Full PDB file with SEQRES, HELIX, SHEET, SSBOND, CRYST1, ORIGX, SCALE, CONECT and MASTER records, all heavy atoms in Angstrom:
SEQRES   1 A   39  VAL VAL PHE ALA GLY LEU THR VAL ILE ILE ALA LEU CYS          
SEQRES   2 A   39  GLY LEU SER VAL VAL GLY ILE PRO PHE LEU THR VAL MET          
SEQRES   3 A   39  GLY LEU CYS ALA ALA GLY ALA VAL ALA VAL ALA LEU LEU          
HELIX    1 AA1 VAL A    2  CYS A   13  1                                  12    
HELIX    2 AA2 GLY A   14  VAL A   18  5                                   5    
HELIX    3 AA3 PRO A   21  LEU A   38  1                                  18    
CRYST1    1.000    1.000    1.000  90.00  90.00  90.00 P 1           1          
ORIGX1      1.000000  0.000000  0.000000        0.00000                         
ORIGX2      0.000000  1.000000  0.000000        0.00000                         
ORIGX3      0.000000  0.000000  1.000000        0.00000                         
SCALE1      1.000000  0.000000  0.000000        0.00000                         
SCALE2      0.000000  1.000000  0.000000        0.00000                         
SCALE3      0.000000  0.000000  1.000000        0.00000                         
ATOM      1  N   VAL A   1      13.263-160.438 -37.904  1.00  0.00           N  
ATOM      2  CA  VAL A   1      14.482-160.757 -37.162  1.00  0.00           C  
ATOM      3  C   VAL A   1      15.288-161.838 -37.884  1.00  0.00           C  
ATOM      4  O   VAL A   1      16.521-161.766 -37.963  1.00  0.00           O  
ATOM      5  CB  VAL A   1      14.128-161.200 -35.724  1.00  0.00           C  
ATOM      6  CG1 VAL A   1      15.304-161.893 -35.051  1.00  0.00           C  
ATOM      7  CG2 VAL A   1      13.679-160.006 -34.891  1.00  0.00           C  
ATOM      8  N   VAL A   2      14.602-162.842 -38.430  1.00  0.00           N  
ATOM      9  CA  VAL A   2      15.300-163.924 -39.137  1.00  0.00           C  
ATOM     10  C   VAL A   2      16.059-163.372 -40.335  1.00  0.00           C  
ATOM     11  O   VAL A   2      17.251-163.658 -40.524  1.00  0.00           O  
ATOM     12  CB  VAL A   2      14.301-165.011 -39.589  1.00  0.00           C  
ATOM     13  CG1 VAL A   2      14.970-165.966 -40.570  1.00  0.00           C  
ATOM     14  CG2 VAL A   2      13.791-165.784 -38.380  1.00  0.00           C  
ATOM     15  N   PHE A   3      15.382-162.568 -41.166  1.00  0.00           N  
ATOM     16  CA  PHE A   3      16.060-162.030 -42.347  1.00  0.00           C  
ATOM     17  C   PHE A   3      17.169-161.053 -41.958  1.00  0.00           C  
ATOM     18  O   PHE A   3      18.231-161.025 -42.586  1.00  0.00           O  
ATOM     19  CB  PHE A   3      15.043-161.348 -43.271  1.00  0.00           C  
ATOM     20  CG  PHE A   3      14.290-162.316 -44.124  1.00  0.00           C  
ATOM     21  CD1 PHE A   3      12.996-162.699 -43.802  1.00  0.00           C  
ATOM     22  CD2 PHE A   3      14.884-162.870 -45.246  1.00  0.00           C  
ATOM     23  CE1 PHE A   3      12.300-163.601 -44.582  1.00  0.00           C  
ATOM     24  CE2 PHE A   3      14.197-163.778 -46.041  1.00  0.00           C  
ATOM     25  CZ  PHE A   3      12.904-164.149 -45.706  1.00  0.00           C  
ATOM     26  N   ALA A   4      16.918-160.257 -40.912  1.00  0.00           N  
ATOM     27  CA  ALA A   4      17.950-159.333 -40.459  1.00  0.00           C  
ATOM     28  C   ALA A   4      19.166-160.096 -39.948  1.00  0.00           C  
ATOM     29  O   ALA A   4      20.313-159.778 -40.277  1.00  0.00           O  
ATOM     30  CB  ALA A   4      17.389-158.431 -39.361  1.00  0.00           C  
ATOM     31  N   GLY A   5      18.922-161.117 -39.138  1.00  0.00           N  
ATOM     32  CA  GLY A   5      20.020-161.910 -38.596  1.00  0.00           C  
ATOM     33  C   GLY A   5      20.793-162.640 -39.671  1.00  0.00           C  
ATOM     34  O   GLY A   5      22.032-162.689 -39.642  1.00  0.00           O  
ATOM     35  N   LEU A   6      20.084-163.201 -40.634  1.00  0.00           N  
ATOM     36  CA  LEU A   6      20.764-163.911 -41.727  1.00  0.00           C  
ATOM     37  C   LEU A   6      21.626-162.960 -42.555  1.00  0.00           C  
ATOM     38  O   LEU A   6      22.716-163.335 -43.017  1.00  0.00           O  
ATOM     39  CB  LEU A   6      19.735-164.596 -42.629  1.00  0.00           C  
ATOM     40  CG  LEU A   6      19.023-165.815 -42.021  1.00  0.00           C  
ATOM     41  CD1 LEU A   6      17.977-166.354 -42.992  1.00  0.00           C  
ATOM     42  CD2 LEU A   6      20.021-166.914 -41.666  1.00  0.00           C  
ATOM     43  N   THR A   7      21.156-161.722 -42.728  1.00  0.00           N  
ATOM     44  CA  THR A   7      21.946-160.750 -43.482  1.00  0.00           C  
ATOM     45  C   THR A   7      23.245-160.428 -42.750  1.00  0.00           C  
ATOM     46  O   THR A   7      24.319-160.347 -43.358  1.00  0.00           O  
ATOM     47  CB  THR A   7      21.139-159.458 -43.702  1.00  0.00           C  
ATOM     48  OG1 THR A   7      19.885-159.784 -44.297  1.00  0.00           O  
ATOM     49  CG2 THR A   7      21.880-158.497 -44.607  1.00  0.00           C  
ATOM     50  N   VAL A   8      23.153-160.240 -41.433  1.00  0.00           N  
ATOM     51  CA  VAL A   8      24.356-159.976 -40.636  1.00  0.00           C  
ATOM     52  C   VAL A   8      25.307-161.168 -40.710  1.00  0.00           C  
ATOM     53  O   VAL A   8      26.528-161.008 -40.882  1.00  0.00           O  
ATOM     54  CB  VAL A   8      23.985-159.674 -39.171  1.00  0.00           C  
ATOM     55  CG1 VAL A   8      25.251-159.471 -38.333  1.00  0.00           C  
ATOM     56  CG2 VAL A   8      23.105-158.440 -39.078  1.00  0.00           C  
ATOM     57  N   ILE A   9      24.768-162.363 -40.580  1.00  0.00           N  
ATOM     58  CA  ILE A   9      25.594-163.578 -40.607  1.00  0.00           C  
ATOM     59  C   ILE A   9      26.289-163.728 -41.961  1.00  0.00           C  
ATOM     60  O   ILE A   9      27.480-164.052 -42.035  1.00  0.00           O  
ATOM     61  CB  ILE A   9      24.735-164.812 -40.277  1.00  0.00           C  
ATOM     62  CG1 ILE A   9      24.299-164.769 -38.804  1.00  0.00           C  
ATOM     63  CG2 ILE A   9      25.496-166.102 -40.563  1.00  0.00           C  
ATOM     64  CD1 ILE A   9      23.236-165.785 -38.437  1.00  0.00           C  
ATOM     65  N   ILE A  10      25.549-163.478 -43.049  1.00  0.00           N  
ATOM     66  CA  ILE A  10      26.148-163.554 -44.391  1.00  0.00           C  
ATOM     67  C   ILE A  10      27.294-162.555 -44.519  1.00  0.00           C  
ATOM     68  O   ILE A  10      28.377-162.878 -45.025  1.00  0.00           O  
ATOM     69  CB  ILE A  10      25.084-163.297 -45.470  1.00  0.00           C  
ATOM     70  CG1 ILE A  10      24.139-164.502 -45.587  1.00  0.00           C  
ATOM     71  CG2 ILE A  10      25.729-162.999 -46.823  1.00  0.00           C  
ATOM     72  CD1 ILE A  10      22.953-164.262 -46.498  1.00  0.00           C  
ATOM     73  N   ALA A  11      27.065-161.320 -44.048  1.00  0.00           N  
ATOM     74  CA  ALA A  11      28.096-160.290 -44.153  1.00  0.00           C  
ATOM     75  C   ALA A  11      29.343-160.678 -43.371  1.00  0.00           C  
ATOM     76  O   ALA A  11      30.472-160.479 -43.837  1.00  0.00           O  
ATOM     77  CB  ALA A  11      27.542-158.956 -43.651  1.00  0.00           C  
ATOM     78  N   LEU A  12      29.155-161.243 -42.184  1.00  0.00           N  
ATOM     79  CA  LEU A  12      30.306-161.622 -41.349  1.00  0.00           C  
ATOM     80  C   LEU A  12      31.033-162.835 -41.929  1.00  0.00           C  
ATOM     81  O   LEU A  12      32.271-162.882 -41.928  1.00  0.00           O  
ATOM     82  CB  LEU A  12      29.836-161.910 -39.927  1.00  0.00           C  
ATOM     83  CG  LEU A  12      29.350-160.679 -39.139  1.00  0.00           C  
ATOM     84  CD1 LEU A  12      28.657-161.099 -37.853  1.00  0.00           C  
ATOM     85  CD2 LEU A  12      30.512-159.750 -38.833  1.00  0.00           C  
ATOM     86  N   CYS A  13      30.285-163.808 -42.409  1.00  0.00           N  
ATOM     87  CA  CYS A  13      30.931-164.971 -43.037  1.00  0.00           C  
ATOM     88  C   CYS A  13      31.659-164.568 -44.317  1.00  0.00           C  
ATOM     89  O   CYS A  13      32.622-165.236 -44.718  1.00  0.00           O  
ATOM     90  CB  CYS A  13      29.890-166.046 -43.347  1.00  0.00           C  
ATOM     91  SG  CYS A  13      29.208-166.855 -41.877  1.00  0.00           S  
ATOM     92  N   GLY A  14      31.215-163.462 -44.920  1.00  0.00           N  
ATOM     93  CA  GLY A  14      31.876-162.981 -46.122  1.00  0.00           C  
ATOM     94  C   GLY A  14      33.317-162.590 -45.893  1.00  0.00           C  
ATOM     95  O   GLY A  14      34.102-162.488 -46.849  1.00  0.00           O  
ATOM     96  N   LEU A  15      33.710-162.355 -44.638  1.00  0.00           N  
ATOM     97  CA  LEU A  15      35.106-162.049 -44.338  1.00  0.00           C  
ATOM     98  C   LEU A  15      36.030-163.194 -44.733  1.00  0.00           C  
ATOM     99  O   LEU A  15      37.238-162.999 -44.882  1.00  0.00           O  
ATOM    100  CB  LEU A  15      35.269-161.737 -42.846  1.00  0.00           C  
ATOM    101  CG  LEU A  15      34.662-160.410 -42.356  1.00  0.00           C  
ATOM    102  CD1 LEU A  15      34.715-160.332 -40.836  1.00  0.00           C  
ATOM    103  CD2 LEU A  15      35.395-159.224 -42.973  1.00  0.00           C  
ATOM    104  N   SER A  16      35.474-164.374 -44.908  1.00  0.00           N  
ATOM    105  CA  SER A  16      36.290-165.528 -45.296  1.00  0.00           C  
ATOM    106  C   SER A  16      36.884-165.372 -46.684  1.00  0.00           C  
ATOM    107  O   SER A  16      37.925-165.980 -46.985  1.00  0.00           O  
ATOM    108  CB  SER A  16      35.441-166.801 -45.246  1.00  0.00           C  
ATOM    109  OG  SER A  16      34.874-166.992 -43.964  1.00  0.00           O  
ATOM    110  N   VAL A  17      36.248-164.578 -47.555  1.00  0.00           N  
ATOM    111  CA  VAL A  17      36.753-164.462 -48.920  1.00  0.00           C  
ATOM    112  C   VAL A  17      38.051-163.675 -48.992  1.00  0.00           C  
ATOM    113  O   VAL A  17      38.742-163.704 -50.012  1.00  0.00           O  
ATOM    114  CB  VAL A  17      35.703-163.798 -49.852  1.00  0.00           C  
ATOM    115  CG1 VAL A  17      34.382-164.512 -49.774  1.00  0.00           C  
ATOM    116  CG2 VAL A  17      35.534-162.314 -49.540  1.00  0.00           C  
ATOM    117  N   VAL A  18      38.403-162.966 -47.904  1.00  0.00           N  
ATOM    118  CA  VAL A  18      39.616-162.154 -47.904  1.00  0.00           C  
ATOM    119  C   VAL A  18      40.861-163.027 -47.953  1.00  0.00           C  
ATOM    120  O   VAL A  18      41.883-162.655 -48.522  1.00  0.00           O  
ATOM    121  CB  VAL A  18      39.647-161.231 -46.665  1.00  0.00           C  
ATOM    122  CG1 VAL A  18      40.925-160.419 -46.616  1.00  0.00           C  
ATOM    123  CG2 VAL A  18      38.435-160.317 -46.681  1.00  0.00           C  
ATOM    124  N   GLY A  19      40.784-164.214 -47.340  1.00  0.00           N  
ATOM    125  CA  GLY A  19      41.911-165.130 -47.377  1.00  0.00           C  
ATOM    126  C   GLY A  19      42.936-164.912 -46.292  1.00  0.00           C  
ATOM    127  O   GLY A  19      44.050-165.425 -46.368  1.00  0.00           O  
ATOM    128  N   ILE A  20      42.577-164.141 -45.253  1.00  0.00           N  
ATOM    129  CA  ILE A  20      43.464-163.936 -44.101  1.00  0.00           C  
ATOM    130  C   ILE A  20      42.830-164.657 -42.914  1.00  0.00           C  
ATOM    131  O   ILE A  20      41.739-164.289 -42.466  1.00  0.00           O  
ATOM    132  CB  ILE A  20      43.662-162.444 -43.800  1.00  0.00           C  
ATOM    133  CG1 ILE A  20      44.365-161.774 -44.974  1.00  0.00           C  
ATOM    134  CG2 ILE A  20      44.477-162.244 -42.536  1.00  0.00           C  
ATOM    135  CD1 ILE A  20      44.617-160.295 -44.807  1.00  0.00           C  
ATOM    136  N   PRO A  21      43.499-165.690 -42.385  1.00  0.00           N  
ATOM    137  CA  PRO A  21      42.868-166.538 -41.363  1.00  0.00           C  
ATOM    138  C   PRO A  21      42.311-165.791 -40.159  1.00  0.00           C  
ATOM    139  O   PRO A  21      41.220-166.105 -39.691  1.00  0.00           O  
ATOM    140  CB  PRO A  21      43.999-167.491 -40.968  1.00  0.00           C  
ATOM    141  CG  PRO A  21      44.851-167.586 -42.183  1.00  0.00           C  
ATOM    142  CD  PRO A  21      44.810-166.218 -42.798  1.00  0.00           C  
ATOM    143  N   PHE A  22      43.048-164.798 -39.653  1.00  0.00           N  
ATOM    144  CA  PHE A  22      42.551-164.160 -38.436  1.00  0.00           C  
ATOM    145  C   PHE A  22      41.260-163.385 -38.701  1.00  0.00           C  
ATOM    146  O   PHE A  22      40.383-163.296 -37.835  1.00  0.00           O  
ATOM    147  CB  PHE A  22      43.632-163.262 -37.809  1.00  0.00           C  
ATOM    148  CG  PHE A  22      43.587-161.822 -38.215  1.00  0.00           C  
ATOM    149  CD1 PHE A  22      42.913-160.887 -37.440  1.00  0.00           C  
ATOM    150  CD2 PHE A  22      44.241-161.374 -39.350  1.00  0.00           C  
ATOM    151  CE1 PHE A  22      42.883-159.553 -37.803  1.00  0.00           C  
ATOM    152  CE2 PHE A  22      44.225-160.043 -39.715  1.00  0.00           C  
ATOM    153  CZ  PHE A  22      43.538-159.123 -38.938  1.00  0.00           C  
ATOM    154  N   LEU A  23      41.091-162.838 -39.931  1.00  0.00           N  
ATOM    155  CA  LEU A  23      39.840-162.173 -40.267  1.00  0.00           C  
ATOM    156  C   LEU A  23      38.721-163.182 -40.487  1.00  0.00           C  
ATOM    157  O   LEU A  23      37.573-162.936 -40.127  1.00  0.00           O  
ATOM    158  CB  LEU A  23      40.020-161.324 -41.522  1.00  0.00           C  
ATOM    159  CG  LEU A  23      40.451-159.874 -41.332  1.00  0.00           C  
ATOM    160  CD1 LEU A  23      40.502-159.161 -42.663  1.00  0.00           C  
ATOM    161  CD2 LEU A  23      39.526-159.142 -40.380  1.00  0.00           C  
ATOM    162  N   THR A  24      39.061-164.316 -41.071  1.00  0.00           N  
ATOM    163  CA  THR A  24      38.073-165.386 -41.239  1.00  0.00           C  
ATOM    164  C   THR A  24      37.548-165.832 -39.889  1.00  0.00           C  
ATOM    165  O   THR A  24      36.329-165.952 -39.679  1.00  0.00           O  
ATOM    166  CB  THR A  24      38.703-166.582 -41.974  1.00  0.00           C  
ATOM    167  OG1 THR A  24      39.114-166.164 -43.278  1.00  0.00           O  
ATOM    168  CG2 THR A  24      37.707-167.726 -42.110  1.00  0.00           C  
ATOM    169  N   VAL A  25      38.472-166.053 -38.956  1.00  0.00           N  
ATOM    170  CA  VAL A  25      38.079-166.491 -37.611  1.00  0.00           C  
ATOM    171  C   VAL A  25      37.262-165.408 -36.918  1.00  0.00           C  
ATOM    172  O   VAL A  25      36.250-165.691 -36.264  1.00  0.00           O  
ATOM    173  CB  VAL A  25      39.323-166.859 -36.781  1.00  0.00           C  
ATOM    174  CG1 VAL A  25      38.938-167.122 -35.326  1.00  0.00           C  
ATOM    175  CG2 VAL A  25      40.012-168.083 -37.368  1.00  0.00           C  
ATOM    176  N   MET A  26      37.682-164.145 -37.076  1.00  0.00           N  
ATOM    177  CA  MET A  26      36.936-163.044 -36.469  1.00  0.00           C  
ATOM    178  C   MET A  26      35.508-163.011 -36.998  1.00  0.00           C  
ATOM    179  O   MET A  26      34.535-162.878 -36.229  1.00  0.00           O  
ATOM    180  CB  MET A  26      37.626-161.711 -36.751  1.00  0.00           C  
ATOM    181  CG  MET A  26      36.881-160.503 -36.195  1.00  0.00           C  
ATOM    182  SD  MET A  26      37.638-158.927 -36.705  1.00  0.00           S  
ATOM    183  CE  MET A  26      39.124-158.955 -35.722  1.00  0.00           C  
ATOM    184  N   GLY A  27      35.358-163.130 -38.313  1.00  0.00           N  
ATOM    185  CA  GLY A  27      34.025-163.099 -38.909  1.00  0.00           C  
ATOM    186  C   GLY A  27      33.167-164.266 -38.476  1.00  0.00           C  
ATOM    187  O   GLY A  27      31.982-164.100 -38.154  1.00  0.00           O  
ATOM    188  N   LEU A  28      33.763-165.463 -38.435  1.00  0.00           N  
ATOM    189  CA  LEU A  28      32.993-166.647 -38.049  1.00  0.00           C  
ATOM    190  C   LEU A  28      32.612-166.605 -36.571  1.00  0.00           C  
ATOM    191  O   LEU A  28      31.507-167.027 -36.196  1.00  0.00           O  
ATOM    192  CB  LEU A  28      33.799-167.911 -38.352  1.00  0.00           C  
ATOM    193  CG  LEU A  28      34.040-168.181 -39.853  1.00  0.00           C  
ATOM    194  CD1 LEU A  28      34.886-169.426 -40.041  1.00  0.00           C  
ATOM    195  CD2 LEU A  28      32.717-168.316 -40.607  1.00  0.00           C  
ATOM    196  N   CYS A  29      33.513-166.101 -35.717  1.00  0.00           N  
ATOM    197  CA  CYS A  29      33.179-165.968 -34.289  1.00  0.00           C  
ATOM    198  C   CYS A  29      32.019-164.996 -34.098  1.00  0.00           C  
ATOM    199  O   CYS A  29      31.075-165.272 -33.341  1.00  0.00           O  
ATOM    200  CB  CYS A  29      34.396-165.487 -33.498  1.00  0.00           C  
ATOM    201  SG  CYS A  29      35.686-166.720 -33.270  1.00  0.00           S  
ATOM    202  N   ALA A  30      32.099-163.846 -34.774  1.00  0.00           N  
ATOM    203  CA  ALA A  30      31.021-162.863 -34.662  1.00  0.00           C  
ATOM    204  C   ALA A  30      29.723-163.397 -35.262  1.00  0.00           C  
ATOM    205  O   ALA A  30      28.635-163.190 -34.705  1.00  0.00           O  
ATOM    206  CB  ALA A  30      31.430-161.566 -35.356  1.00  0.00           C  
ATOM    207  N   ALA A  31      29.826-164.107 -36.390  1.00  0.00           N  
ATOM    208  CA  ALA A  31      28.629-164.697 -37.004  1.00  0.00           C  
ATOM    209  C   ALA A  31      28.011-165.723 -36.070  1.00  0.00           C  
ATOM    210  O   ALA A  31      26.775-165.808 -35.954  1.00  0.00           O  
ATOM    211  CB  ALA A  31      28.987-165.340 -38.340  1.00  0.00           C  
ATOM    212  N   GLY A  32      28.863-166.504 -35.399  1.00  0.00           N  
ATOM    213  CA  GLY A  32      28.354-167.473 -34.428  1.00  0.00           C  
ATOM    214  C   GLY A  32      27.624-166.795 -33.285  1.00  0.00           C  
ATOM    215  O   GLY A  32      26.566-167.259 -32.832  1.00  0.00           O  
ATOM    216  N   ALA A  33      28.179-165.669 -32.806  1.00  0.00           N  
ATOM    217  CA  ALA A  33      27.525-164.928 -31.722  1.00  0.00           C  
ATOM    218  C   ALA A  33      26.167-164.396 -32.162  1.00  0.00           C  
ATOM    219  O   ALA A  33      25.188-164.434 -31.396  1.00  0.00           O  
ATOM    220  CB  ALA A  33      28.421-163.781 -31.257  1.00  0.00           C  
ATOM    221  N   VAL A  34      26.080-163.894 -33.399  1.00  0.00           N  
ATOM    222  CA  VAL A  34      24.800-163.395 -33.919  1.00  0.00           C  
ATOM    223  C   VAL A  34      23.816-164.550 -34.111  1.00  0.00           C  
ATOM    224  O   VAL A  34      22.618-164.412 -33.820  1.00  0.00           O  
ATOM    225  CB  VAL A  34      25.021-162.640 -35.238  1.00  0.00           C  
ATOM    226  CG1 VAL A  34      23.682-162.248 -35.870  1.00  0.00           C  
ATOM    227  CG2 VAL A  34      25.866-161.397 -35.010  1.00  0.00           C  
ATOM    228  N   ALA A  35      24.316-165.700 -34.580  1.00  0.00           N  
ATOM    229  CA  ALA A  35      23.441-166.864 -34.766  1.00  0.00           C  
ATOM    230  C   ALA A  35      22.859-167.321 -33.433  1.00  0.00           C  
ATOM    231  O   ALA A  35      21.664-167.650 -33.339  1.00  0.00           O  
ATOM    232  CB  ALA A  35      24.221-168.001 -35.423  1.00  0.00           C  
ATOM    233  N   VAL A  36      23.689-167.337 -32.390  1.00  0.00           N  
ATOM    234  CA  VAL A  36      23.194-167.707 -31.056  1.00  0.00           C  
ATOM    235  C   VAL A  36      22.158-166.698 -30.590  1.00  0.00           C  
ATOM    236  O   VAL A  36      21.097-167.061 -30.057  1.00  0.00           O  
ATOM    237  CB  VAL A  36      24.359-167.807 -30.052  1.00  0.00           C  
ATOM    238  CG1 VAL A  36      23.828-167.956 -28.630  1.00  0.00           C  
ATOM    239  CG2 VAL A  36      25.273-168.976 -30.401  1.00  0.00           C  
ATOM    240  N   ALA A  37      22.450-165.400 -30.787  1.00  0.00           N  
ATOM    241  CA  ALA A  37      21.489-164.362 -30.399  1.00  0.00           C  
ATOM    242  C   ALA A  37      20.166-164.539 -31.131  1.00  0.00           C  
ATOM    243  O   ALA A  37      19.083-164.365 -30.554  1.00  0.00           O  
ATOM    244  CB  ALA A  37      22.074-162.980 -30.687  1.00  0.00           C  
ATOM    245  N   LEU A  38      20.244-164.906 -32.401  1.00  0.00           N  
ATOM    246  CA  LEU A  38      19.038-165.121 -33.204  1.00  0.00           C  
ATOM    247  C   LEU A  38      18.232-166.309 -32.676  1.00  0.00           C  
ATOM    248  O   LEU A  38      17.006-166.222 -32.497  1.00  0.00           O  
ATOM    249  CB  LEU A  38      19.436-165.346 -34.660  1.00  0.00           C  
ATOM    250  CG  LEU A  38      18.315-165.635 -35.660  1.00  0.00           C  
ATOM    251  CD1 LEU A  38      17.336-164.483 -35.725  1.00  0.00           C  
ATOM    252  CD2 LEU A  38      18.902-165.903 -37.050  1.00  0.00           C  
ATOM    253  N   LEU A  39      18.900-167.418 -32.405  1.00  0.00           N  
ATOM    254  CA  LEU A  39      18.201-168.610 -31.907  1.00  0.00           C  
ATOM    255  C   LEU A  39      17.592-168.366 -30.537  1.00  0.00           C  
ATOM    256  O   LEU A  39      16.482-168.825 -30.238  1.00  0.00           O  
ATOM    257  CB  LEU A  39      19.178-169.785 -31.859  1.00  0.00           C  
ATOM    258  CG  LEU A  39      19.652-170.314 -33.223  1.00  0.00           C  
ATOM    259  CD1 LEU A  39      20.730-171.372 -33.035  1.00  0.00           C  
ATOM    260  CD2 LEU A  39      18.484-170.887 -34.009  1.00  0.00           C  
TER     261      LEU A  39                                                      
MASTER        0    0    0    3    0    0    0    6  260    1    0    3          
END                                                                             
Protein backbone atom coordinates (compact mmCIF):
# COMPACT_ATOMS: atom_id res chain seq x y z
CA VAL A 1 0.00 0.00 0.00
CA VAL A 2 2.84 2.41 0.83
CA PHE A 3 4.59 1.91 -2.51
CA ALA A 4 1.29 1.99 -4.39
CA GLY A 5 0.24 5.20 -2.65
CA LEU A 6 3.59 6.87 -3.19
CA THR A 7 3.42 6.03 -6.90
CA VAL A 8 -0.01 7.65 -7.19
CA ILE A 9 1.18 10.70 -5.24
CA ILE A 10 4.28 11.06 -7.45
CA ALA A 11 2.14 10.84 -10.60
CA LEU A 12 -0.29 13.48 -9.32
CA CYS A 13 2.43 15.84 -8.12
CA GLY A 14 3.98 15.44 -11.56
CA LEU A 15 1.17 17.62 -12.91
CA SER A 16 3.17 20.54 -11.52
CA VAL A 17 5.71 20.24 -14.34
CA VAL A 18 3.07 21.33 -16.87
CA GLY A 19 3.27 24.91 -15.63
CA ILE A 20 -0.48 25.60 -15.58
CA PRO A 21 -1.56 26.63 -12.06
CA PHE A 22 -5.02 25.09 -12.09
CA LEU A 23 -3.56 21.69 -13.09
CA THR A 24 -0.87 22.02 -10.44
CA VAL A 25 -3.52 22.72 -7.82
CA MET A 26 -5.68 19.87 -9.11
CA GLY A 27 -2.76 17.44 -8.88
CA LEU A 28 -1.70 18.60 -5.42
CA CYS A 29 -5.28 18.45 -4.09
CA ALA A 30 -5.71 14.91 -5.40
CA ALA A 31 -2.26 13.91 -4.12
CA GLY A 32 -3.21 15.30 -0.71
CA ALA A 33 -6.41 13.25 -0.73
CA VAL A 34 -4.44 10.08 -1.58
CA ALA A 35 -1.85 10.89 1.11
CA VAL A 36 -4.62 11.24 3.71
CA ALA A 37 -6.16 7.97 2.52
CA LEU A 38 -2.76 6.31 2.84
CA LEU A 39 -2.15 7.60 6.38
